[in-house]
C-alpha atoms as a PDB file:
ATOM      1  CA  MET A   1      -0.067   0.147   0.160  1.00  0.00           C
ATOM      2  CA  GLY A   2       1.938   2.612  -0.501  1.00  0.00           C
ATOM      3  CA  SER A   3       3.676   5.177   1.915  1.00  0.00           C
ATOM      4  CA  MET A   4       0.648   3.063   4.179  1.00  0.00           C
ATOM      5  CA  THR A   5       1.788   2.053   7.704  1.00  0.00           C
ATOM      6  CA  GLN A   6      -0.169  -1.397   6.752  1.00  0.00           C
ATOM      7  CA  MET A   7      -0.911  -4.289   9.104  1.00  0.00           C
ATOM      8  CA  GLU A   8       2.156  -6.989   7.759  1.00  0.00           C
ATOM      9  CA  ARG A   9       1.401  -9.716  10.882  1.00  0.00           C
ATOM     10  CA  CYS A  10      -1.666 -10.856  12.093  1.00  0.00           C
ATOM     11  CA  PRO A  11      -2.148  -9.519  15.538  1.00  0.00           C
ATOM     12  CA  ALA A  12      -4.110 -12.683  17.064  1.00  0.00           C
ATOM     13  CA  CYS A  13      -2.150 -15.812  15.496  1.00  0.00           C
ATOM     14  CA  HIS A  14       1.377 -13.637  13.712  1.00  0.00           C
ATOM     15  CA  ALA A  15       1.189 -15.288  10.475  1.00  0.00           C
ATOM     16  CA  ARG A  16       2.171 -13.832   7.632  1.00  0.00           C
ATOM     17  CA  LEU A  17      -0.697 -11.447   5.933  1.00  0.00           C
ATOM     18  CA  GLY A  18       0.381  -9.554   2.793  1.00  0.00           C
ATOM     19  CA  GLN A  19      -2.439  -8.645   1.239  1.00  0.00           C
ATOM     20  CA  ALA A  20      -5.113 -10.761   2.508  1.00  0.00           C
ATOM     21  CA  GLU A  21      -8.348  -9.490   3.934  1.00  0.00           C
ATOM     22  CA  VAL A  22      -8.314 -13.068   6.359  1.00  0.00           C
ATOM     23  CA  CYS A  23      -5.725 -14.244   7.717  1.00  0.00           C
ATOM     24  CA  SER A  24      -4.368 -17.471   6.421  1.00  0.00           C
ATOM     25  CA  ARG A  25      -4.019 -19.113   9.301  1.00  0.00           C
ATOM     26  CA  CYS A  26      -6.586 -18.585  12.056  1.00  0.00           C
ATOM     27  CA  GLY A  27      -9.187 -16.971   9.478  1.00  0.00           C
ATOM     28  CA  THR A  28      -9.325 -13.750  11.537  1.00  0.00           C
ATOM     29  CA  ASP A  29     -11.061 -11.176   8.802  1.00  0.00           C
ATOM     30  CA  PHE A  30      -9.137  -7.692   8.481  1.00  0.00           C
ATOM     31  CA  SER A  31     -11.820  -6.251   5.731  1.00  0.00           C
ATOM     32  CA  ILE A  32     -12.936  -3.878   7.498  1.00  0.00           C
ATOM     33  CA  SER A  33      -9.627  -2.600   8.630  1.00  0.00           C
ATOM     34  CA  ARG A  34      -7.788  -2.872   5.607  1.00  0.00           C
ATOM     35  CA  ARG A  35     -10.885  -0.305   4.014  1.00  0.00           C
ATOM     36  CA  ALA A  36     -10.506   2.128   6.596  1.00  0.00           C
ATOM     37  CA  GLU A  37      -6.340   2.091   5.393  1.00  0.00           C
ATOM     38  CA  ARG A  38      -7.903   2.388   1.395  1.00  0.00           C
ATOM     39  CA  GLN A  39      -9.967   5.045   3.088  1.00  0.00           C
ATOM     40  CA  ALA A  40      -7.068   6.978   4.439  1.00  0.00           C
ATOM     41  CA  GLN A  41      -4.559   6.801   1.763  1.00  0.00           C
ATOM     42  CA  ALA A  42      -6.728   8.447  -0.370  1.00  0.00           C
ATOM     43  CA  LEU A  43      -8.256  11.436   1.922  1.00  0.00           C
ATOM     44  CA  SER A  44      -4.381  11.613   2.370  1.00  0.00           C
ATOM     45  CA  ARG A  45      -3.583  12.062  -1.244  1.00  0.00           C
ATOM     46  CA  LEU A  46      -6.163  14.403  -1.175  1.00  0.00           C
ATOM     47  CA  ALA A  47      -4.820  16.625   0.958  1.00  0.00           C
ATOM     48  CA  VAL A  48      -2.254  16.941  -0.852  1.00  0.00           C
ATOM     49  CA  HIS A  49      -3.849  17.614  -2.909  1.00  0.00           C
ATOM     50  CA  GLN A  50      -6.278  20.693  -1.526  1.00  0.00           C
ATOM     51  CA  LEU A  51      -2.925  22.047   0.274  1.00  0.00           C
ATOM     52  CA  VAL A  52      -1.208  22.323  -3.439  1.00  0.00           C
ATOM     53  CA  GLN A  53      -3.883  24.241  -3.731  1.00  0.00           C
ATOM     54  CA  GLY A  54      -4.107  26.553  -0.925  1.00  0.00           C
ATOM     55  CA  LYS A  55      -7.554  24.815   0.672  1.00  0.00           C
ATOM     56  CA  THR A  56      -5.439  25.123   3.926  1.00  0.00           C
ATOM     57  CA  GLN A  57      -8.349  24.545   6.301  1.00  0.00           C
ATOM     58  CA  GLN A  58      -9.410  21.615   3.966  1.00  0.00           C
ATOM     59  CA  ALA A  59      -6.648  20.383   4.189  1.00  0.00           C
ATOM     60  CA  ALA A  60      -6.083  20.387   7.392  1.00  0.00           C
ATOM     61  CA  ALA A  61      -9.830  18.138   7.817  1.00  0.00           C
ATOM     62  CA  THR A  62      -8.864  16.263   5.417  1.00  0.00           C
ATOM     63  CA  ALA A  63      -5.779  14.821   6.551  1.00  0.00           C
ATOM     64  CA  GLY A  64      -7.178  14.416  10.302  1.00  0.00           C
ATOM     65  CA  ALA A  65      -9.926  12.809   8.497  1.00  0.00           C
ATOM     66  CA  ALA A  66      -6.981  10.334   7.813  1.00  0.00           C
ATOM     67  CA  SER A  67      -4.907   9.663  10.490  1.00  0.00           C
ATOM     68  CA  GLY A  68      -8.542   8.759  12.423  1.00  0.00           C
ATOM     69  CA  LEU A  69      -8.643   6.250  10.329  1.00  0.00           C
ATOM     70  CA  ALA A  70      -5.675   4.650   9.822  1.00  0.00           C
ATOM     71  CA  ASP A  71      -2.385   5.021  10.213  1.00  0.00           C
ATOM     72  CA  SER A  72      -0.880   7.496   7.855  1.00  0.00           C
ATOM     73  CA  PRO A  73       2.490   9.069   6.869  1.00  0.00           C
ATOM     74  CA  LEU A  74       1.001  11.439   4.556  1.00  0.00           C
ATOM     75  CA  ALA A  75      -1.142  12.905   6.197  1.00  0.00           C
ATOM     76  CA  ARG A  76       0.832  13.482   9.109  1.00  0.00           C
ATOM     77  CA  ALA A  77       3.143  15.148   6.531  1.00  0.00           C
ATOM     78  CA  VAL A  78       0.283  17.558   5.824  1.00  0.00           C
ATOM     79  CA  THR A  79      -0.969  18.439   8.832  1.00  0.00           C
ATOM     80  CA  GLN A  80       3.688  19.197  10.182  1.00  0.00           C
ATOM     81  CA  MET A  81       3.298  21.461   6.832  1.00  0.00           C
ATOM     82  CA  LEU A  82      -0.048  23.397   8.191  1.00  0.00           C
ATOM     83  CA  THR A  83       1.929  23.701  11.756  1.00  0.00           C
ATOM     84  CA  CYS A  84       4.502  24.357  10.448  1.00  0.00           C
ATOM     85  CA  ARG A  85       3.249  27.405   7.719  1.00  0.00           C
ATOM     86  CA  ARG A  86       0.738  28.103  10.867  1.00  0.00           C
ATOM     87  CA  GLY A  87       4.219  29.563  13.151  1.00  0.00           C
ATOM     88  CA  MET A  88       5.437  31.223  10.996  1.00  0.00           C
END
């Protein structure tokens, strides 16, 4: 998933997950968390687009929404950039 921090191992049995939505060893379903990861990635890209367009308030809100769904280094970077801009 690119720059996203992605669950690599099943938290239940520690099997490698890869891109799977269901653990092949124990059967734990991660489809909802995988969907959240994909949504966070899309929102992070949108936040960057909004930032480039100068829509800083929207970019901040979108990055916050992305971070609320899943750990997103890209969303964190947008938030940090906006925080630095405010400090100038």
